[in-house]
């Protein structure tokens, strides 16, 4: 593990940069100040970059637009690799008909659209259609009533032997500098314990997420894992996921892992990044300002 003072040196060492989104590029209050300089330098150096995110709440187009409204137009839909994309791939390959029930926002249902399938939020599942539900997907922590719809989810899974997919494995997310909110991964884990069934998980830290991105790039470019670095703010998802897949990793201290806690967390978890850096933001001097 090596301490890096200037994120520019990370960009210079690798051909492709994988970024987590929340806590790395943006926070609860918007983009990290100065992050646009990082992307200007990436483009100046002809470096390839992708946002590898567990955010399945919106489509890649909508996620890209969330950067554009703050003036960061370098993040386009084709640069976003979401765990929702793996969920869609699973549905395309494994589920031929019936209803896909989901917990999440209406926007998150974008990923569930597949030939022959009908998507319905869990609130619309009742005795008239429960027998047609062939898969349940945990997409996002918003867009449903936490009490009634989670109870309905538990009872659906007690009555139906169907695959359950956790499209976003995040357990918490920062809502301020000091507080976190409960994410859909935690709710899925609770339901999993209650019904005594094992769910299918996509997204970091599972290797499918990194393999999906890696295979996509290798379709048009000859690269190896040594050419890629994963940048994240969370040891248990971004860093261990990148480590397990064989990528070098950078833990940035701008999100879930606070500077005062970093060394203790690394020691306690045994999850060791290749590098530690304060943030992924480059200084003005990187572009000659």
C-alpha atoms as a PDB file:
ATOM      1  CA  UNK A   1       0.000   0.000   0.000  1.00  0.00           C
ATOM      2  CA  UNK A   2       1.477   3.294  -1.129  1.00  0.00           C
ATOM      3  CA  UNK A   3       0.384   6.808  -0.245  1.00  0.00           C
ATOM      4  CA  UNK A   4      -0.099   8.985  -3.354  1.00  0.00           C
ATOM      5  CA  UNK A   5      -0.267  12.750  -2.986  1.00  0.00           C
ATOM      6  CA  UNK A   6      -1.219  13.577  -6.560  1.00  0.00           C
ATOM      7  CA  UNK A   7      -3.894  11.594  -8.436  1.00  0.00           C
ATOM      8  CA  UNK A   8      -2.293  12.673 -11.710  1.00  0.00           C
ATOM      9  CA  UNK A   9       0.423  10.058 -11.134  1.00  0.00           C
ATOM     10  CA  UNK A  10      -2.273   7.340 -11.046  1.00  0.00           C
ATOM     11  CA  UNK A  11      -3.653   8.435 -14.415  1.00  0.00           C
ATOM     12  CA  UNK A  12      -0.155   8.445 -15.888  1.00  0.00           C
ATOM     13  CA  UNK A  13       0.466   4.820 -14.805  1.00  0.00           C
ATOM     14  CA  UNK A  14      -2.625   3.170 -16.363  1.00  0.00           C
ATOM     15  CA  UNK A  15      -4.415   3.019 -19.691  1.00  0.00           C
ATOM     16  CA  UNK A  16      -7.931   2.635 -18.277  1.00  0.00           C
ATOM     17  CA  UNK A  17      -9.424   4.108 -15.099  1.00  0.00           C
ATOM     18  CA  UNK A  18     -12.513   2.625 -13.434  1.00  0.00           C
ATOM     19  CA  UNK A  19     -14.201   5.141 -11.117  1.00  0.00           C
ATOM     20  CA  UNK A  20     -16.847   4.497  -8.516  1.00  0.00           C
ATOM     21  CA  UNK A  21     -19.416   7.294  -8.575  1.00  0.00           C
ATOM     22  CA  UNK A  22     -20.678   8.321  -5.144  1.00  0.00           C
ATOM     23  CA  UNK A  23     -17.901   9.441  -2.846  1.00  0.00           C
ATOM     24  CA  UNK A  24     -15.371   9.555  -5.692  1.00  0.00           C
ATOM     25  CA  UNK A  25     -16.872  11.859  -8.327  1.00  0.00           C
ATOM     26  CA  UNK A  26     -19.829  13.265  -6.429  1.00  0.00           C
ATOM     27  CA  UNK A  27     -21.244  13.561  -2.930  1.00  0.00           C
ATOM     28  CA  UNK A  28     -24.604  14.362  -1.358  1.00  0.00           C
ATOM     29  CA  UNK A  29     -24.094  18.011  -2.356  1.00  0.00           C
ATOM     30  CA  UNK A  30     -23.006  17.543  -5.992  1.00  0.00           C
ATOM     31  CA  UNK A  31     -19.766  17.010  -7.874  1.00  0.00           C
ATOM     32  CA  UNK A  32     -16.469  17.067  -5.996  1.00  0.00           C
ATOM     33  CA  UNK A  33     -15.080  20.559  -6.597  1.00  0.00           C
ATOM     34  CA  UNK A  34     -12.454  20.385  -9.324  1.00  0.00           C
ATOM     35  CA  UNK A  35     -13.289  16.882 -10.566  1.00  0.00           C
ATOM     36  CA  UNK A  36     -13.777  18.297 -14.069  1.00  0.00           C
ATOM     37  CA  UNK A  37      -9.991  18.854 -14.204  1.00  0.00           C
ATOM     38  CA  UNK A  38      -9.459  15.120 -13.771  1.00  0.00           C
ATOM     39  CA  UNK A  39     -11.596  14.351 -16.811  1.00  0.00           C
ATOM     40  CA  UNK A  40     -10.020  17.139 -18.845  1.00  0.00           C
ATOM     41  CA  UNK A  41      -6.615  15.593 -18.154  1.00  0.00           C
ATOM     42  CA  UNK A  42      -7.885  12.085 -18.973  1.00  0.00           C
ATOM     43  CA  UNK A  43      -9.099  13.321 -22.340  1.00  0.00           C
ATOM     44  CA  UNK A  44      -5.928  15.333 -22.951  1.00  0.00           C
ATOM     45  CA  UNK A  45      -3.846  12.170 -22.347  1.00  0.00           C
ATOM     46  CA  UNK A  46      -6.206   9.955 -24.393  1.00  0.00           C
ATOM     47  CA  UNK A  47      -6.902   7.771 -21.377  1.00  0.00           C
ATOM     48  CA  UNK A  48     -10.006   5.603 -21.305  1.00  0.00           C
ATOM     49  CA  UNK A  49     -12.331   5.816 -18.315  1.00  0.00           C
ATOM     50  CA  UNK A  50     -15.570   4.283 -17.060  1.00  0.00           C
ATOM     51  CA  UNK A  51     -17.918   4.858 -14.154  1.00  0.00           C
ATOM     52  CA  UNK A  52     -18.400   1.417 -12.594  1.00  0.00           C
ATOM     53  CA  UNK A  53     -21.303   1.870 -10.228  1.00  0.00           C
ATOM     54  CA  UNK A  54     -23.786  -0.096  -8.142  1.00  0.00           C
ATOM     55  CA  UNK A  55     -26.373   2.623  -8.799  1.00  0.00           C
ATOM     56  CA  UNK A  56     -29.300   0.879 -10.479  1.00  0.00           C
ATOM     57  CA  UNK A  57     -31.804   3.629  -9.729  1.00  0.00           C
ATOM     58  CA  UNK A  58     -31.678   5.181 -13.215  1.00  0.00           C
ATOM     59  CA  UNK A  59     -30.664   4.287 -16.755  1.00  0.00           C
ATOM     60  CA  UNK A  60     -27.140   5.099 -18.021  1.00  0.00           C
ATOM     61  CA  UNK A  61     -28.605   8.018 -19.985  1.00  0.00           C
ATOM     62  CA  UNK A  62     -30.253   9.428 -16.871  1.00  0.00           C
ATOM     63  CA  UNK A  63     -27.127   8.854 -14.789  1.00  0.00           C
ATOM     64  CA  UNK A  64     -25.044  10.697 -17.396  1.00  0.00           C
ATOM     65  CA  UNK A  65     -27.509  13.582 -17.355  1.00  0.00           C
ATOM     66  CA  UNK A  66     -27.007  13.899 -13.598  1.00  0.00           C
ATOM     67  CA  UNK A  67     -23.361  14.823 -14.347  1.00  0.00           C
ATOM     68  CA  UNK A  68     -24.235  17.053 -17.272  1.00  0.00           C
ATOM     69  CA  UNK A  69     -26.471  19.300 -15.174  1.00  0.00           C
ATOM     70  CA  UNK A  70     -23.382  20.173 -13.115  1.00  0.00           C
ATOM     71  CA  UNK A  71     -21.331  20.850 -16.250  1.00  0.00           C
ATOM     72  CA  UNK A  72     -19.395  17.554 -16.429  1.00  0.00           C
ATOM     73  CA  UNK A  73     -20.131  16.480 -19.999  1.00  0.00           C
ATOM     74  CA  UNK A  74     -17.200  14.040 -20.203  1.00  0.00           C
ATOM     75  CA  UNK A  75     -19.361  11.418 -18.469  1.00  0.00           C
ATOM     76  CA  UNK A  76     -21.593  10.044 -21.218  1.00  0.00           C
ATOM     77  CA  UNK A  77     -23.983   7.087 -21.144  1.00  0.00           C
ATOM     78  CA  UNK A  78     -21.491   4.827 -22.917  1.00  0.00           C
ATOM     79  CA  UNK A  79     -18.990   5.494 -20.110  1.00  0.00           C
ATOM     80  CA  UNK A  80     -21.315   4.161 -17.417  1.00  0.00           C
ATOM     81  CA  UNK A  81     -21.303   0.502 -16.390  1.00  0.00           C
ATOM     82  CA  UNK A  82     -24.036  -0.170 -13.862  1.00  0.00           C
ATOM     83  CA  UNK A  83     -24.975  -3.271 -11.911  1.00  0.00           C
ATOM     84  CA  UNK A  84     -28.411  -2.820 -13.466  1.00  0.00           C
ATOM     85  CA  UNK A  85     -26.890  -3.807 -16.813  1.00  0.00           C
ATOM     86  CA  UNK A  86     -25.938  -7.211 -15.391  1.00  0.00           C
ATOM     87  CA  UNK A  87     -29.457  -7.645 -14.079  1.00  0.00           C
ATOM     88  CA  UNK A  88     -30.854  -7.014 -17.547  1.00  0.00           C
ATOM     89  CA  UNK A  89     -28.414  -9.525 -19.029  1.00  0.00           C
ATOM     90  CA  UNK A  90     -29.557 -12.152 -16.520  1.00  0.00           C
ATOM     91  CA  UNK A  91     -33.212 -11.553 -17.351  1.00  0.00           C
ATOM     92  CA  UNK A  92     -32.525 -11.758 -21.086  1.00  0.00           C
ATOM     93  CA  UNK A  93     -30.771 -15.116 -20.670  1.00  0.00           C
ATOM     94  CA  UNK A  94     -32.605 -16.793 -17.806  1.00  0.00           C
ATOM     95  CA  UNK A  95     -36.207 -15.570 -17.571  1.00  0.00           C
ATOM     96  CA  UNK A  96     -38.448 -16.207 -20.567  1.00  0.00           C
ATOM     97  CA  UNK A  97     -41.864 -14.965 -19.503  1.00  0.00           C
ATOM     98  CA  UNK A  98     -44.049 -13.743 -16.679  1.00  0.00           C
ATOM     99  CA  UNK A  99     -43.827 -10.780 -14.328  1.00  0.00           C
ATOM    100  CA  UNK A 100     -40.665  -9.168 -12.973  1.00  0.00           C
ATOM    101  CA  UNK A 101     -41.573  -7.696  -9.592  1.00  0.00           C
ATOM    102  CA  UNK A 102     -39.235  -5.053  -8.216  1.00  0.00           C
ATOM    103  CA  UNK A 103     -38.473  -2.813  -5.285  1.00  0.00           C
ATOM    104  CA  UNK A 104     -37.225   0.552  -6.512  1.00  0.00           C
ATOM    105  CA  UNK A 105     -38.068   3.674  -8.433  1.00  0.00           C
ATOM    106  CA  UNK A 106     -40.031   3.676 -11.669  1.00  0.00           C
ATOM    107  CA  UNK A 107     -36.855   4.857 -13.410  1.00  0.00           C
ATOM    108  CA  UNK A 108     -34.962   1.792 -12.186  1.00  0.00           C
ATOM    109  CA  UNK A 109     -37.382  -0.441 -14.108  1.00  0.00           C
ATOM    110  CA  UNK A 110     -35.500   0.601 -17.277  1.00  0.00           C
ATOM    111  CA  UNK A 111     -33.050  -2.230 -16.635  1.00  0.00           C
ATOM    112  CA  UNK A 112     -35.813  -4.805 -16.329  1.00  0.00           C
ATOM    113  CA  UNK A 113     -37.288  -4.311 -19.766  1.00  0.00           C
ATOM    114  CA  UNK A 114     -36.813  -7.568 -21.649  1.00  0.00           C
ATOM    115  CA  UNK A 115     -38.673  -9.380 -24.412  1.00  0.00           C
ATOM    116  CA  UNK A 116     -41.653 -11.326 -23.114  1.00  0.00           C
ATOM    117  CA  UNK A 117     -41.472  -9.908 -19.595  1.00  0.00           C
ATOM    118  CA  UNK A 118     -43.797  -7.553 -17.773  1.00  0.00           C
ATOM    119  CA  UNK A 119     -42.396  -5.349 -15.009  1.00  0.00           C
ATOM    120  CA  UNK A 120     -44.441  -4.386 -11.976  1.00  0.00           C
ATOM    121  CA  UNK A 121     -43.519  -2.634  -8.734  1.00  0.00           C
ATOM    122  CA  UNK A 122     -44.071  -4.838  -5.708  1.00  0.00           C
ATOM    123  CA  UNK A 123     -46.993  -2.644  -4.608  1.00  0.00           C
ATOM    124  CA  UNK A 124     -48.965  -3.839  -7.665  1.00  0.00           C
ATOM    125  CA  UNK A 125     -48.538  -7.529  -6.901  1.00  0.00           C
ATOM    126  CA  UNK A 126     -51.690  -9.122  -5.473  1.00  0.00           C
ATOM    127  CA  UNK A 127     -53.672 -12.371  -5.511  1.00  0.00           C
ATOM    128  CA  UNK A 128     -54.652 -11.825  -9.154  1.00  0.00           C
ATOM    129  CA  UNK A 129     -51.081 -11.894 -10.493  1.00  0.00           C
ATOM    130  CA  UNK A 130     -48.782 -13.373  -7.840  1.00  0.00           C
ATOM    131  CA  UNK A 131     -48.673 -16.742  -9.635  1.00  0.00           C
ATOM    132  CA  UNK A 132     -47.234 -15.037 -12.709  1.00  0.00           C
ATOM    133  CA  UNK A 133     -44.270 -13.500 -10.856  1.00  0.00           C
ATOM    134  CA  UNK A 134     -41.166 -15.370 -12.031  1.00  0.00           C
ATOM    135  CA  UNK A 135     -38.421 -13.171 -10.573  1.00  0.00           C
ATOM    136  CA  UNK A 136     -38.004 -10.478  -7.919  1.00  0.00           C
ATOM    137  CA  UNK A 137     -35.400  -7.708  -8.182  1.00  0.00           C
ATOM    138  CA  UNK A 138     -34.102  -5.367  -5.476  1.00  0.00           C
ATOM    139  CA  UNK A 139     -33.215  -2.206  -7.452  1.00  0.00           C
ATOM    140  CA  UNK A 140     -33.183   0.856  -5.183  1.00  0.00           C
ATOM    141  CA  UNK A 141     -34.055   1.998  -1.661  1.00  0.00           C
ATOM    142  CA  UNK A 142     -36.590   4.566  -2.897  1.00  0.00           C
ATOM    143  CA  UNK A 143     -39.872   4.382  -4.785  1.00  0.00           C
ATOM    144  CA  UNK A 144     -41.817   2.134  -2.399  1.00  0.00           C
ATOM    145  CA  UNK A 145     -43.352   2.022   1.068  1.00  0.00           C
ATOM    146  CA  UNK A 146     -40.753   0.533   3.373  1.00  0.00           C
ATOM    147  CA  UNK A 147     -43.313  -1.067   5.683  1.00  0.00           C
ATOM    148  CA  UNK A 148     -46.074  -2.465   3.489  1.00  0.00           C
ATOM    149  CA  UNK A 149     -43.967  -3.277   0.435  1.00  0.00           C
ATOM    150  CA  UNK A 150     -41.204  -5.054   2.359  1.00  0.00           C
ATOM    151  CA  UNK A 151     -43.849  -7.114   4.142  1.00  0.00           C
ATOM    152  CA  UNK A 152     -45.378  -7.907   0.748  1.00  0.00           C
ATOM    153  CA  UNK A 153     -41.927  -8.896  -0.556  1.00  0.00           C
ATOM    154  CA  UNK A 154     -41.373 -11.302   2.329  1.00  0.00           C
ATOM    155  CA  UNK A 155     -44.736 -12.974   1.763  1.00  0.00           C
ATOM    156  CA  UNK A 156     -44.215 -13.187  -1.993  1.00  0.00           C
ATOM    157  CA  UNK A 157     -40.982 -15.091  -1.435  1.00  0.00           C
ATOM    158  CA  UNK A 158     -42.625 -17.363   1.120  1.00  0.00           C
ATOM    159  CA  UNK A 159     -45.264 -18.323  -1.441  1.00  0.00           C
ATOM    160  CA  UNK A 160     -43.199 -18.463  -4.630  1.00  0.00           C
ATOM    161  CA  UNK A 161     -39.956 -20.321  -5.336  1.00  0.00           C
ATOM    162  CA  UNK A 162     -38.421 -17.786  -7.708  1.00  0.00           C
ATOM    163  CA  UNK A 163     -34.960 -16.253  -8.180  1.00  0.00           C
ATOM    164  CA  UNK A 164     -34.346 -13.004  -6.313  1.00  0.00           C
ATOM    165  CA  UNK A 165     -31.761 -10.578  -7.657  1.00  0.00           C
ATOM    166  CA  UNK A 166     -29.995  -7.846  -5.707  1.00  0.00           C
ATOM    167  CA  UNK A 167     -29.044  -5.333  -8.399  1.00  0.00           C
ATOM    168  CA  UNK A 168     -27.379  -2.929  -5.958  1.00  0.00           C
ATOM    169  CA  UNK A 169     -25.372  -4.571  -3.185  1.00  0.00           C
ATOM    170  CA  UNK A 170     -24.507  -1.310  -1.373  1.00  0.00           C
ATOM    171  CA  UNK A 171     -25.496  -1.486   2.294  1.00  0.00           C
ATOM    172  CA  UNK A 172     -25.306   2.232   3.073  1.00  0.00           C
ATOM    173  CA  UNK A 173     -24.631   5.500   1.284  1.00  0.00           C
ATOM    174  CA  UNK A 174     -23.530   8.885   2.650  1.00  0.00           C
ATOM    175  CA  UNK A 175     -26.252  11.493   3.029  1.00  0.00           C
ATOM    176  CA  UNK A 176     -24.044  14.100   4.683  1.00  0.00           C
ATOM    177  CA  UNK A 177     -20.462  14.433   5.861  1.00  0.00           C
ATOM    178  CA  UNK A 178     -21.289  12.488   9.018  1.00  0.00           C
ATOM    179  CA  UNK A 179     -24.432  10.429   8.334  1.00  0.00           C
ATOM    180  CA  UNK A 180     -25.368   7.508   6.085  1.00  0.00           C
ATOM    181  CA  UNK A 181     -28.637   6.127   4.750  1.00  0.00           C
ATOM    182  CA  UNK A 182     -29.664   2.479   4.517  1.00  0.00           C
ATOM    183  CA  UNK A 183     -29.285   1.217   0.943  1.00  0.00           C
ATOM    184  CA  UNK A 184     -31.189  -1.548  -0.836  1.00  0.00           C
ATOM    185  CA  UNK A 185     -28.390  -4.080  -0.206  1.00  0.00           C
ATOM    186  CA  UNK A 186     -29.146  -3.932   3.526  1.00  0.00           C
ATOM    187  CA  UNK A 187     -32.875  -4.396   2.946  1.00  0.00           C
ATOM    188  CA  UNK A 188     -32.192  -7.353   0.679  1.00  0.00           C
ATOM    189  CA  UNK A 189     -29.954  -8.917   3.314  1.00  0.00           C
ATOM    190  CA  UNK A 190     -32.697  -8.550   5.928  1.00  0.00           C
ATOM    191  CA  UNK A 191     -35.318 -10.168   3.682  1.00  0.00           C
ATOM    192  CA  UNK A 192     -32.861 -12.924   2.765  1.00  0.00           C
ATOM    193  CA  UNK A 193     -32.415 -13.771   6.460  1.00  0.00           C
ATOM    194  CA  UNK A 194     -36.166 -13.742   7.075  1.00  0.00           C
ATOM    195  CA  UNK A 195     -37.137 -16.070   4.220  1.00  0.00           C
ATOM    196  CA  UNK A 196     -34.050 -18.282   4.500  1.00  0.00           C
ATOM    197  CA  UNK A 197     -33.218 -18.143   0.798  1.00  0.00           C
ATOM    198  CA  UNK A 198     -30.033 -17.115  -0.989  1.00  0.00           C
ATOM    199  CA  UNK A 199     -30.291 -14.231  -3.433  1.00  0.00           C
ATOM    200  CA  UNK A 200     -28.316 -13.567  -6.608  1.00  0.00           C
ATOM    201  CA  UNK A 201     -26.090 -10.520  -6.260  1.00  0.00           C
ATOM    202  CA  UNK A 202     -24.715  -8.282  -8.979  1.00  0.00           C
ATOM    203  CA  UNK A 203     -22.454  -5.276  -8.574  1.00  0.00           C
ATOM    204  CA  UNK A 204     -19.333  -4.631  -6.579  1.00  0.00           C
ATOM    205  CA  UNK A 205     -17.690  -6.463  -4.851  1.00  0.00           C
ATOM    206  CA  UNK A 206     -18.750  -9.450  -6.978  1.00  0.00           C
ATOM    207  CA  UNK A 207     -16.447 -10.235  -9.863  1.00  0.00           C
ATOM    208  CA  UNK A 208     -19.248 -10.299 -12.468  1.00  0.00           C
ATOM    209  CA  UNK A 209     -19.293  -6.510 -12.440  1.00  0.00           C
ATOM    210  CA  UNK A 210     -15.609  -6.251 -13.294  1.00  0.00           C
ATOM    211  CA  UNK A 211     -15.734  -9.122 -15.785  1.00  0.00           C
ATOM    212  CA  UNK A 212     -18.651  -7.433 -17.570  1.00  0.00           C
ATOM    213  CA  UNK A 213     -16.641  -4.223 -17.947  1.00  0.00           C
ATOM    214  CA  UNK A 214     -13.432  -6.058 -18.842  1.00  0.00           C
ATOM    215  CA  UNK A 215     -15.072  -8.199 -21.524  1.00  0.00           C
ATOM    216  CA  UNK A 216     -16.811  -5.181 -23.007  1.00  0.00           C
ATOM    217  CA  UNK A 217     -13.518  -3.324 -23.431  1.00  0.00           C
ATOM    218  CA  UNK A 218     -11.688  -6.360 -24.795  1.00  0.00           C
ATOM    219  CA  UNK A 219     -14.183  -6.621 -27.638  1.00  0.00           C
ATOM    220  CA  UNK A 220     -12.431  -3.706 -29.334  1.00  0.00           C
ATOM    221  CA  UNK A 221      -9.109  -3.338 -27.527  1.00  0.00           C
ATOM    222  CA  UNK A 222      -6.247  -5.627 -26.544  1.00  0.00           C
ATOM    223  CA  UNK A 223      -5.665  -4.970 -22.840  1.00  0.00           C
ATOM    224  CA  UNK A 224      -4.739  -6.839 -19.690  1.00  0.00           C
ATOM    225  CA  UNK A 225      -5.804  -6.336 -16.096  1.00  0.00           C
ATOM    226  CA  UNK A 226      -2.479  -4.625 -15.436  1.00  0.00           C
ATOM    227  CA  UNK A 227      -3.642  -1.762 -17.658  1.00  0.00           C
ATOM    228  CA  UNK A 228      -6.637  -0.977 -15.419  1.00  0.00           C
ATOM    229  CA  UNK A 229      -6.982   0.618 -11.995  1.00  0.00           C
ATOM    230  CA  UNK A 230     -10.142   0.763  -9.872  1.00  0.00           C
ATOM    231  CA  UNK A 231     -10.751   3.962  -7.885  1.00  0.00           C
ATOM    232  CA  UNK A 232     -13.212   3.818  -5.006  1.00  0.00           C
ATOM    233  CA  UNK A 233     -14.058   5.133  -1.571  1.00  0.00           C
ATOM    234  CA  UNK A 234     -15.313   1.912   0.054  1.00  0.00           C
ATOM    235  CA  UNK A 235     -13.112  -0.988   1.102  1.00  0.00           C
ATOM    236  CA  UNK A 236     -15.888  -3.601   1.185  1.00  0.00           C
ATOM    237  CA  UNK A 237     -17.106  -2.985  -2.374  1.00  0.00           C
ATOM    238  CA  UNK A 238     -14.772  -1.006  -4.634  1.00  0.00           C
ATOM    239  CA  UNK A 239     -11.440  -2.087  -3.204  1.00  0.00           C
ATOM    240  CA  UNK A 240     -12.008  -5.740  -2.355  1.00  0.00           C
ATOM    241  CA  UNK A 241     -13.906  -6.181  -5.616  1.00  0.00           C
ATOM    242  CA  UNK A 242     -11.046  -4.738  -7.659  1.00  0.00           C
ATOM    243  CA  UNK A 243      -8.489  -6.718  -5.649  1.00  0.00           C
ATOM    244  CA  UNK A 244     -10.334 -10.018  -6.161  1.00  0.00           C
ATOM    245  CA  UNK A 245     -10.551  -9.425  -9.899  1.00  0.00           C
ATOM    246  CA  UNK A 246      -6.821  -8.765 -10.083  1.00  0.00           C
ATOM    247  CA  UNK A 247      -6.859  -5.001 -10.602  1.00  0.00           C
ATOM    248  CA  UNK A 248      -4.730  -2.410  -8.849  1.00  0.00           C
ATOM    249  CA  UNK A 249      -6.906  -0.270  -6.602  1.00  0.00           C
ATOM    250  CA  UNK A 250      -6.930   3.268  -5.220  1.00  0.00           C
ATOM    251  CA  UNK A 251      -8.769   4.107  -2.008  1.00  0.00           C
ATOM    252  CA  UNK A 252      -9.765   7.772  -2.032  1.00  0.00           C
ATOM    253  CA  UNK A 253     -10.689   9.505   1.221  1.00  0.00           C
ATOM    254  CA  UNK A 254     -13.445  11.728  -0.153  1.00  0.00           C
ATOM    255  CA  UNK A 255     -16.437   9.501   0.617  1.00  0.00           C
ATOM    256  CA  UNK A 256     -17.268   6.539   2.851  1.00  0.00           C
ATOM    257  CA  UNK A 257     -13.733   6.126   4.207  1.00  0.00           C
ATOM    258  CA  UNK A 258     -12.689   9.166   6.206  1.00  0.00           C
ATOM    259  CA  UNK A 259      -9.008  10.099   6.541  1.00  0.00           C
ATOM    260  CA  UNK A 260      -9.007   9.573  10.310  1.00  0.00           C
ATOM    261  CA  UNK A 261     -10.469   6.069   9.951  1.00  0.00           C
ATOM    262  CA  UNK A 262      -8.636   4.741   6.900  1.00  0.00           C
ATOM    263  CA  UNK A 263      -5.712   2.947   8.508  1.00  0.00           C
ATOM    264  CA  UNK A 264      -7.863   1.424  11.262  1.00  0.00           C
ATOM    265  CA  UNK A 265     -10.403   0.158   8.726  1.00  0.00           C
ATOM    266  CA  UNK A 266      -7.707  -1.348   6.519  1.00  0.00           C
ATOM    267  CA  UNK A 267      -6.161  -3.090   9.521  1.00  0.00           C
ATOM    268  CA  UNK A 268      -9.527  -4.316  10.832  1.00  0.00           C
ATOM    269  CA  UNK A 269     -10.815  -5.637   7.509  1.00  0.00           C
ATOM    270  CA  UNK A 270      -7.572  -6.840   5.975  1.00  0.00           C
ATOM    271  CA  UNK A 271      -8.671  -5.195   2.712  1.00  0.00           C
ATOM    272  CA  UNK A 272      -5.563  -3.449   1.411  1.00  0.00           C
ATOM    273  CA  UNK A 273      -5.660  -1.060  -1.567  1.00  0.00           C
ATOM    274  CA  UNK A 274      -2.652  -0.677  -3.848  1.00  0.00           C
ATOM    275  CA  UNK A 275      -2.699   3.080  -3.226  1.00  0.00           C
ATOM    276  CA  UNK A 276      -4.326   5.621  -0.936  1.00  0.00           C
ATOM    277  CA  UNK A 277      -5.032   9.153  -2.144  1.00  0.00           C
ATOM    278  CA  UNK A 278      -6.996  12.040  -0.650  1.00  0.00           C
ATOM    279  CA  UNK A 279      -9.213  12.340  -3.714  1.00  0.00           C
ATOM    280  CA  UNK A 280      -9.403  11.865  -7.470  1.00  0.00           C
ATOM    281  CA  UNK A 281      -9.356  15.626  -8.032  1.00  0.00           C
ATOM    282  CA  UNK A 282      -6.347  17.055  -9.871  1.00  0.00           C
ATOM    283  CA  UNK A 283      -4.863  20.410  -8.984  1.00  0.00           C
ATOM    284  CA  UNK A 284      -5.026  23.319 -11.470  1.00  0.00           C
ATOM    285  CA  UNK A 285      -1.330  22.823 -12.294  1.00  0.00           C
ATOM    286  CA  UNK A 286      -2.135  19.465 -13.959  1.00  0.00           C
ATOM    287  CA  UNK A 287      -3.560  21.338 -16.939  1.00  0.00           C
ATOM    288  CA  UNK A 288      -1.091  24.172 -16.832  1.00  0.00           C
ATOM    289  CA  UNK A 289      -3.489  26.635 -15.181  1.00  0.00           C
END
